[in-house]
Protein backbone atom coordinates (compact mmCIF):
# COMPACT_ATOMS: atom_id res chain seq x y z
CA UNK A 1 173.36 133.82 120.55
CA UNK A 2 169.67 132.61 120.20
CA UNK A 3 170.07 128.89 118.52
CA UNK A 4 166.57 127.25 119.32
CA UNK A 5 166.17 124.37 116.81
CA UNK A 6 162.74 123.78 116.02
CA UNK A 7 161.62 120.14 116.69
CA UNK A 8 161.87 117.71 114.10
CA UNK A 9 158.87 116.97 111.93
CA UNK A 10 155.80 119.09 110.71
CA UNK A 11 154.21 120.86 113.57
CA UNK A 12 150.36 120.59 113.43
CA UNK A 13 149.19 123.19 116.19
CA UNK A 14 145.55 123.09 116.60
CA UNK A 15 143.76 126.29 117.45
CA UNK A 16 140.66 125.96 119.38
CA UNK A 17 137.34 126.52 117.48
CA UNK A 18 136.76 129.03 119.71
CA UNK A 19 139.45 131.33 121.49
CA UNK A 20 137.56 130.70 124.85
CA UNK A 21 137.82 127.09 124.60
CA UNK A 22 139.97 126.69 127.60
CA UNK A 23 140.97 122.93 127.39
CA UNK A 24 141.68 123.32 123.66
CA UNK A 25 143.59 126.57 123.93
CA UNK A 26 145.93 125.13 126.75
CA UNK A 27 146.96 122.25 124.65
CA UNK A 28 147.48 124.76 121.55
CA UNK A 29 149.61 127.06 123.87
CA UNK A 30 151.63 123.94 125.47
CA UNK A 31 152.41 122.47 121.79
CA UNK A 32 153.50 125.74 120.35
CA UNK A 33 155.81 126.72 123.60
CA UNK A 34 157.30 123.36 123.35
CA UNK A 35 157.87 123.62 119.81
CA UNK A 36 159.37 126.91 120.20
CA UNK A 37 161.36 126.70 123.26
CA UNK A 38 159.62 129.59 124.87
CA UNK A 39 159.31 130.24 128.52
CA UNK A 40 155.49 131.04 128.23
CA UNK A 41 152.49 131.44 126.11
CA UNK A 42 149.33 132.86 126.28
CA UNK A 43 146.06 134.07 124.30
CA UNK A 44 144.94 137.47 125.28
CA UNK A 45 142.23 139.67 124.20
CA UNK A 46 142.10 143.30 123.06
CA UNK A 47 142.34 144.73 126.71
CA UNK A 48 145.36 142.34 127.34
CA UNK A 49 143.61 139.92 129.45
CA UNK A 50 144.68 136.14 129.25
CA UNK A 51 142.27 133.76 128.16
CA UNK A 52 144.71 130.96 128.51
CA UNK A 53 148.25 130.52 129.58
CA UNK A 54 150.67 127.76 129.64
CA UNK A 55 154.42 127.96 131.09
CA UNK A 56 155.79 130.88 133.39
CA UNK A 57 153.75 133.95 134.33
CA UNK A 58 153.36 136.36 132.01
CA UNK A 59 154.81 139.65 132.20
CA UNK A 60 153.59 142.55 134.49
CA UNK A 61 152.56 145.61 133.13
CA UNK A 62 151.99 144.38 129.85
CA UNK A 63 151.31 147.21 126.97
CA UNK A 64 148.11 146.93 125.01
CA UNK A 65 149.41 149.22 122.37
CA UNK A 66 151.50 146.24 121.34
CA UNK A 67 148.26 144.29 120.27
CA UNK A 68 148.25 145.57 116.52
CA UNK A 69 147.13 144.14 113.23
CA UNK A 70 150.57 142.41 112.28
CA UNK A 71 153.02 140.50 114.42
CA UNK A 72 156.12 142.18 116.33
CA UNK A 73 158.87 141.33 118.41
CA UNK A 74 160.47 143.16 121.22
CA UNK A 75 162.90 143.72 123.85
CA UNK A 76 161.68 144.64 127.36
CA UNK A 77 163.38 145.52 130.74
CA UNK A 78 160.71 142.69 132.17
CA UNK A 79 163.07 140.02 133.75
CA UNK A 80 160.28 137.36 133.06
CA UNK A 81 159.96 138.47 129.65
CA UNK A 82 163.01 140.05 128.42
CA UNK A 83 162.10 138.73 124.92
CA UNK A 84 158.49 138.83 123.60
CA UNK A 85 156.56 138.13 120.61
CA UNK A 86 152.98 139.32 119.70
CA UNK A 87 151.01 137.70 116.90
CA UNK A 88 147.63 138.24 115.81
CA UNK A 89 145.22 135.33 115.59
CA UNK A 90 143.12 135.29 112.18
CA UNK A 91 139.70 134.91 113.66
CA UNK A 92 136.37 134.22 112.44
CA UNK A 93 134.52 136.80 114.54
CA UNK A 94 136.19 140.31 113.75
CA UNK A 95 134.66 141.55 117.11
CA UNK A 96 136.23 138.80 119.16
CA UNK A 97 139.82 139.44 118.27
CA UNK A 98 142.91 137.53 119.93
CA UNK A 99 146.42 137.50 120.05
CA UNK A 100 149.10 134.90 120.66
CA UNK A 101 151.97 136.00 123.20
CA UNK A 102 155.16 134.05 123.56
CA UNK A 103 157.88 135.12 126.03
CA UNK A 104 161.41 134.23 127.35
CA UNK A 105 163.81 135.67 129.87
CA UNK A 106 166.75 135.85 127.57
CA UNK A 107 166.95 138.34 124.88
CA UNK A 108 167.20 137.46 121.07
CA UNK A 109 169.48 138.71 118.05
CA UNK A 110 167.20 140.49 115.74
CA UNK A 111 167.82 138.19 112.89
CA UNK A 112 166.83 134.97 115.00
CA UNK A 113 163.91 137.02 116.41
CA UNK A 114 162.35 137.83 113.04
CA UNK A 115 163.04 134.44 111.77
CA UNK A 116 161.26 133.12 114.58
CA UNK A 117 158.26 135.53 114.48
CA UNK A 118 157.93 134.54 110.67
CA UNK A 119 157.70 130.90 111.11
CA UNK A 120 155.43 131.25 114.37
CA UNK A 121 153.22 133.58 112.18
CA UNK A 122 153.06 130.99 109.60
CA UNK A 123 152.34 128.17 111.87
CA UNK A 124 149.26 130.39 113.62
CA UNK A 125 148.04 131.42 110.02
CA UNK A 126 147.88 127.52 108.87
CA UNK A 127 146.27 126.70 112.16
CA UNK A 128 143.49 129.30 111.60
CA UNK A 129 142.91 128.17 108.25
CA UNK A 130 142.61 124.66 109.48
CA UNK A 131 140.17 125.97 112.04
CA UNK A 132 138.21 127.58 109.65
CA UNK A 133 137.96 124.67 107.25
CA UNK A 134 137.11 122.65 110.26
CA UNK A 135 134.27 124.95 111.02
CA UNK A 136 133.18 125.06 107.59
CA UNK A 137 133.16 121.29 107.62
CA UNK A 138 131.08 121.38 110.52
CA UNK A 139 128.71 123.91 109.47
CA UNK A 140 128.25 122.09 106.41
CA UNK A 141 127.36 118.68 108.21
CA UNK A 142 124.97 120.66 110.70
CA UNK A 143 123.52 122.04 107.62
CA UNK A 144 123.17 118.60 105.99
CA UNK A 145 121.64 117.04 109.12
CA UNK A 146 119.33 119.65 109.53
CA UNK A 147 118.21 119.68 105.83
CA UNK A 148 117.81 115.98 105.99
CA UNK A 149 115.26 116.15 109.01
CA UNK A 150 113.57 118.92 106.97
CA UNK A 151 113.87 116.98 103.83
CA UNK A 152 115.54 119.99 102.36
CA UNK A 153 118.48 120.28 99.91
CA UNK A 154 120.62 123.33 99.13
CA UNK A 155 121.28 123.93 95.20
CA UNK A 156 123.01 126.40 93.07
CA UNK A 157 123.29 127.26 89.34
CA UNK A 158 126.31 129.12 87.80
CA UNK A 159 125.11 131.23 84.87
CA UNK A 160 125.65 131.57 81.96
CA UNK A 161 127.24 128.12 81.81
CA UNK A 162 124.53 126.19 83.95
CA UNK A 163 126.50 124.05 86.10
CA UNK A 164 124.83 122.86 89.06
CA UNK A 165 125.87 122.18 92.68
CA UNK A 166 123.63 120.10 94.72
CA UNK A 167 123.84 119.08 98.28
CA UNK A 168 123.06 115.36 99.39
CA UNK A 169 119.35 116.40 100.06
CA UNK A 170 118.79 117.07 96.33
CA UNK A 171 120.42 114.08 95.22
CA UNK A 172 118.23 112.07 97.32
CA UNK A 173 115.27 113.91 96.29
CA UNK A 174 115.64 112.92 92.87
CA UNK A 175 117.30 109.46 93.86
CA UNK A 176 120.48 110.11 92.26
CA UNK A 177 123.99 108.63 93.58
CA UNK A 178 125.33 111.53 96.21
CA UNK A 179 128.27 113.44 94.36
CA UNK A 180 127.58 112.19 91.09
CA UNK A 181 127.69 114.20 87.72
CA UNK A 182 124.81 116.54 87.37
CA UNK A 183 123.67 117.88 84.00
CA UNK A 184 120.89 120.28 84.13
CA UNK A 185 119.05 119.58 80.88
CA UNK A 186 118.97 115.97 82.01
CA UNK A 187 117.67 116.41 85.41
CA UNK A 188 114.85 118.80 83.68
CA UNK A 189 113.57 115.73 81.78
CA UNK A 190 112.98 114.32 85.38
CA UNK A 191 110.11 117.09 85.92
CA UNK A 192 106.60 116.45 84.69
CA UNK A 193 105.92 118.28 81.25
CA UNK A 194 103.93 121.09 83.28
CA UNK A 195 106.21 121.83 86.22
CA UNK A 196 109.16 121.84 83.60
CA UNK A 197 107.17 124.32 81.57
CA UNK A 198 106.07 126.27 84.64
CA UNK A 199 109.79 126.28 85.96
CA UNK A 200 111.34 127.58 82.84
CA UNK A 201 108.86 130.58 82.70
CA UNK A 202 109.23 131.63 86.29
CA UNK A 203 113.13 130.82 85.75
CA UNK A 204 113.52 132.94 82.79
CA UNK A 205 111.44 135.87 84.38
CA UNK A 206 113.78 136.01 87.66
CA UNK A 207 117.00 135.97 85.50
CA UNK A 208 115.80 138.70 83.49
CA UNK A 209 114.84 140.79 86.23
CA UNK A 210 117.41 139.62 89.13
CA UNK A 211 114.59 138.57 91.32
CA UNK A 212 113.34 135.45 92.84
CA UNK A 213 110.60 132.80 92.63
CA UNK A 214 108.97 129.91 94.23
CA UNK A 215 106.66 127.02 93.22
CA UNK A 216 105.93 123.35 93.79
CA UNK A 217 106.96 120.95 90.99
CA UNK A 218 106.47 117.28 90.46
CA UNK A 219 109.20 114.96 89.41
CA UNK A 220 109.92 111.61 88.33
CA UNK A 221 112.78 109.90 90.28
CA UNK A 222 115.26 107.63 88.62
CA UNK A 223 113.25 104.84 90.49
CA UNK A 224 110.23 106.12 88.84
CA UNK A 225 108.46 107.60 91.91
CA UNK A 226 106.56 110.61 91.67
CA UNK A 227 107.26 113.26 94.25
CA UNK A 228 106.53 116.77 94.81
CA UNK A 229 109.05 119.44 95.99
CA UNK A 230 108.71 122.89 96.76
CA UNK A 231 111.36 125.06 94.71
CA UNK A 232 112.86 128.60 96.21
CA UNK A 233 115.10 130.33 93.86
CA UNK A 234 117.07 133.61 94.42
CA UNK A 235 118.96 135.05 91.37
CA UNK A 236 122.34 136.99 92.25
CA UNK A 237 123.95 139.35 89.57
CA UNK A 238 125.72 142.41 89.07
CA UNK A 239 125.51 145.33 86.75
CA UNK A 240 122.00 144.02 85.77
CA UNK A 241 123.45 140.89 84.79
CA UNK A 242 122.82 137.18 86.36
CA UNK A 243 125.55 135.22 87.64
CA UNK A 244 123.99 132.62 89.66
CA UNK A 245 120.82 131.25 90.97
CA UNK A 246 120.45 129.50 94.11
CA UNK A 247 117.90 128.25 96.69
CA UNK A 248 116.35 125.07 98.11
CA UNK A 249 114.44 122.25 96.98
CA UNK A 250 112.26 120.53 99.90
CA UNK A 251 110.37 117.17 99.64
CA UNK A 252 106.71 118.05 100.32
CA UNK A 253 105.30 114.84 98.83
CA UNK A 254 103.53 113.92 102.00
CA UNK A 255 102.05 117.42 102.60
CA UNK A 256 100.94 117.01 99.00
CA UNK A 257 99.10 113.84 99.38
CA UNK A 258 97.87 114.67 102.96
CA UNK A 259 96.21 117.94 101.26
CA UNK A 260 94.89 115.58 98.05
CA UNK A 261 93.48 113.08 100.68
CA UNK A 262 91.61 116.22 102.46
CA UNK A 263 90.41 117.85 99.53
CA UNK A 264 89.09 114.24 98.12
CA UNK A 265 87.40 113.84 101.39
CA UNK A 266 85.82 117.23 101.26
CA UNK A 267 84.80 116.68 97.50
CA UNK A 268 83.70 113.16 97.84
CA UNK A 269 80.64 111.15 98.58
CA UNK A 270 81.64 108.79 101.09
CA UNK A 271 79.30 106.15 100.26
CA UNK A 272 79.60 105.63 96.50
CA UNK A 273 82.75 107.36 96.15
CA UNK A 274 81.36 109.86 93.49
CA UNK A 275 81.69 113.69 93.77
CA UNK A 276 79.46 115.17 96.18
CA UNK A 277 77.18 118.10 96.05
CA UNK A 278 79.96 120.54 97.05
CA UNK A 279 82.03 119.27 93.99
CA UNK A 280 78.89 119.62 91.88
CA UNK A 281 77.82 122.85 92.88
CA UNK A 282 81.41 124.38 92.30
CA UNK A 283 81.73 122.70 89.06
CA UNK A 284 78.19 123.89 87.91
CA UNK A 285 78.95 127.55 89.36
CA UNK A 286 81.61 127.73 86.52
CA UNK A 287 79.05 127.12 83.85
CA UNK A 288 80.99 128.86 81.07
CA UNK A 289 84.69 128.04 82.16
CA UNK A 290 85.60 131.32 83.32
CA UNK A 291 86.99 129.83 86.76
CA UNK A 292 89.85 127.72 84.75
CA UNK A 293 87.76 124.63 84.25
CA UNK A 294 86.34 123.67 80.99
CA UNK A 295 82.85 125.00 79.97
CA UNK A 296 79.88 122.98 80.79
CA UNK A 297 78.12 120.91 77.68
CA UNK A 298 75.09 119.78 79.12
CA UNK A 299 73.61 118.65 82.61
CA UNK A 300 71.68 115.45 83.37
CA UNK A 301 69.87 114.71 86.69
CA UNK A 302 69.13 111.04 87.36
CA UNK A 303 66.55 109.67 89.88
CA UNK A 304 66.26 106.17 90.82
CA UNK A 305 62.67 104.64 89.94
CA UNK A 306 62.12 102.21 92.88
CA UNK A 307 64.48 103.03 95.45
CA UNK A 308 62.16 103.84 98.44
CA UNK A 309 60.75 100.35 98.34
CA UNK A 310 64.48 99.16 98.89
CA UNK A 311 64.90 100.84 101.74
CA UNK A 312 61.15 99.80 102.92
CA UNK A 313 61.56 96.28 102.18
CA UNK A 314 65.21 95.61 102.55
CA UNK A 315 66.65 97.64 105.09
CA UNK A 316 69.26 100.79 104.65
CA UNK A 317 72.07 98.30 104.18
CA UNK A 318 70.43 96.83 100.69
CA UNK A 319 69.72 100.54 100.18
CA UNK A 320 73.59 101.54 100.54
CA UNK A 321 74.32 98.73 98.12
CA UNK A 322 71.92 99.97 95.63
CA UNK A 323 73.44 103.25 95.74
CA UNK A 324 76.87 102.06 95.19
CA UNK A 325 75.78 99.80 92.15
CA UNK A 326 73.80 102.71 90.86
CA UNK A 327 76.84 104.80 91.15
CA UNK A 328 78.94 102.20 89.48
CA UNK A 329 76.58 101.81 86.64
CA UNK A 330 76.73 105.72 85.81
CA UNK A 331 80.56 106.10 85.84
CA UNK A 332 80.66 102.97 83.21
CA UNK A 333 78.01 105.21 81.27
CA UNK A 334 79.97 108.19 80.78
CA UNK A 335 82.75 109.07 78.81
CA UNK A 336 85.94 110.11 80.36
CA UNK A 337 85.89 113.77 81.93
CA UNK A 338 82.56 113.51 82.92
CA UNK A 339 81.62 114.62 86.60
CA UNK A 340 79.37 111.87 88.12
CA UNK A 341 78.03 113.31 91.33
CA UNK A 342 75.64 112.27 94.12
CA UNK A 343 73.52 115.06 95.15
CA UNK A 344 71.08 113.73 97.07
CA UNK A 345 69.57 110.39 99.02
CA UNK A 346 68.95 108.62 95.61
CA UNK A 347 69.70 111.87 93.48
CA UNK A 348 72.60 111.90 91.27
CA UNK A 349 74.02 114.58 88.66
CA UNK A 350 75.93 114.13 85.54
CA UNK A 351 78.00 117.14 84.06
CA UNK A 352 79.53 116.70 80.70
CA UNK A 353 82.39 118.77 79.31
CA UNK A 354 81.75 121.05 76.15
CA UNK A 355 85.15 120.02 74.90
CA UNK A 356 84.65 116.55 75.04
CA UNK A 357 81.94 117.12 72.16
CA UNK A 358 79.88 114.15 74.11
CA UNK A 359 76.54 113.00 72.16
CA UNK A 360 74.14 114.07 75.11
CA UNK A 361 71.02 112.22 73.91
CA UNK A 362 72.87 108.99 73.28
CA UNK A 363 74.40 109.39 76.85
CA UNK A 364 70.67 109.63 78.22
CA UNK A 365 69.56 106.78 76.34
CA UNK A 366 72.80 104.51 77.39
CA UNK A 367 72.01 105.32 80.96
CA UNK A 368 68.43 104.18 81.17
CA UNK A 369 69.60 101.08 79.35
CA UNK A 370 72.19 100.29 81.88
CA UNK A 371 69.70 100.51 84.67
CA UNK A 372 67.32 98.44 82.72
CA UNK A 373 68.75 95.39 84.24
CA UNK A 374 67.97 94.13 87.52
CA UNK A 375 70.33 95.02 90.35
CA UNK A 376 71.19 91.89 92.70
CA UNK A 377 70.44 92.98 96.16
CA UNK A 378 70.83 90.32 99.18
CA UNK A 379 71.20 87.58 96.73
CA UNK A 380 68.01 88.03 94.64
CA UNK A 381 67.11 90.31 91.69
CA UNK A 382 65.59 93.51 91.85
CA UNK A 383 64.17 95.93 88.96
CA UNK A 384 65.24 99.62 89.92
CA UNK A 385 65.50 101.74 86.89
CA UNK A 386 66.05 105.22 86.23
CA UNK A 387 64.74 108.50 84.81
CA UNK A 388 66.96 111.06 83.37
CA UNK A 389 66.44 114.82 82.56
CA UNK A 390 68.91 116.83 80.25
CA UNK A 391 69.10 120.56 79.62
CA UNK A 392 72.11 121.66 77.20
CA UNK A 393 73.85 124.57 78.64
CA UNK A 394 72.90 128.10 76.92
CA UNK A 395 73.90 131.43 77.61
CA UNK A 396 71.74 131.44 80.95
CA UNK A 397 73.15 130.88 84.37
CA UNK A 398 73.90 127.95 86.40
CA UNK A 399 70.53 128.00 88.26
CA UNK A 400 68.84 128.22 85.16
CA UNK A 401 70.43 125.36 83.69
CA UNK A 402 69.68 123.13 86.92
CA UNK A 403 66.02 124.32 86.62
CA UNK A 404 65.74 123.45 83.09
CA UNK A 405 67.11 120.02 83.75
CA UNK A 406 65.19 119.40 86.63
CA UNK A 407 61.95 120.27 84.58
CA UNK A 408 63.08 117.59 82.10
CA UNK A 409 63.60 115.16 84.83
CA UNK A 410 59.81 115.80 86.01
CA UNK A 411 58.81 115.17 82.64
CA UNK A 412 60.76 111.89 82.16
CA UNK A 413 59.02 110.61 85.62
CA UNK A 414 55.62 111.85 84.37
CA UNK A 415 55.95 109.64 81.22
CA UNK A 416 56.25 106.48 83.12
CA UNK A 417 59.61 106.28 84.37
CA UNK A 418 62.38 104.48 83.09
CA UNK A 419 63.23 106.98 80.32
CA UNK A 420 64.80 110.25 79.67
CA UNK A 421 63.49 113.53 78.56
CA UNK A 422 65.71 116.75 77.10
CA UNK A 423 64.52 120.39 78.24
CA UNK A 424 63.27 122.12 74.89
CA UNK A 425 62.42 126.08 75.64
CA UNK A 426 59.03 126.96 74.40
């Protein structure tokens, strides 16, 4: 009678991460064979080909019909393998199935054989589950490493209870301790008001339609840092009802800063730091605010009165210093929301916002007064002065508004400079 006793202590057979990992497979087979007292063990594929073996030679003329979906024991006429067990190994890839073969030259009573089959099947199943858990842990580790490199975090939110699940990358993005408890209402407060409002609209629409969305949101982290993140989201549901929303959050702060820096360089006068002619023209073209900006209130054109003499007598370095100081005085004279631009050599333009309800005449007088004080150039005072022409926006187009302001500027210069004029339609 077969009376094999299992070895003392728990048996922790370790299936190889992949069945064709020879070294790991051989170690697994040896431990399993030693545990059961069998003469030989092998991992075989669907066609009966051994992937790895430990112990005695496998039986000849093996019948592949024995490789089924459930384990079995059989008695054969083969002297090498009179007793044989065949056990399917749960695999990750269903297209690459493997089976465990155990054999011994002595026959086994049915009861003992079935007990052994049940025990080994249980052990193999536990080993397979352990392998899957290890593979999942490894997969998550790889995801986290890749996500960290790309500054991406994975997130999910169950519905309707709003329970959040974050990967480490999302915790790091918000500067929250990894694994700490997270509450959606609290984290939503870390978004800027504009981003929070926009996200709520997109999210609600995606949930209602079982759709998806993506947009760039600005947040303020727990340490007060402003960051930009790109959010992608997909809603999962069944029978028209949303069950879960999930996606990625990527830190794009550097990308945003670079884009903003590039935009500023493209729109800024490098000498004075004011808006350049390109930005001025774009603002002027959106005269009535139909392009998303505010309607223009008035346009002021400013020319320096004695700039040419500065360049001729003191050189271009002092001419540049004069332009820089002129820009500073113009900005200091204008209310917030006013666009101040350098549009030529010593030509400046000021665009007021209709919503600010600026007193345009008072603004013109303030600019003339600001330029009444001499400029200090190369350590000596030099009178400069400014002439201002102003036109108020009407129903006409941008070209007409510019032409009207230019006519008013011409009138100011003709009046003796150091003064301002407003265009009045005849």
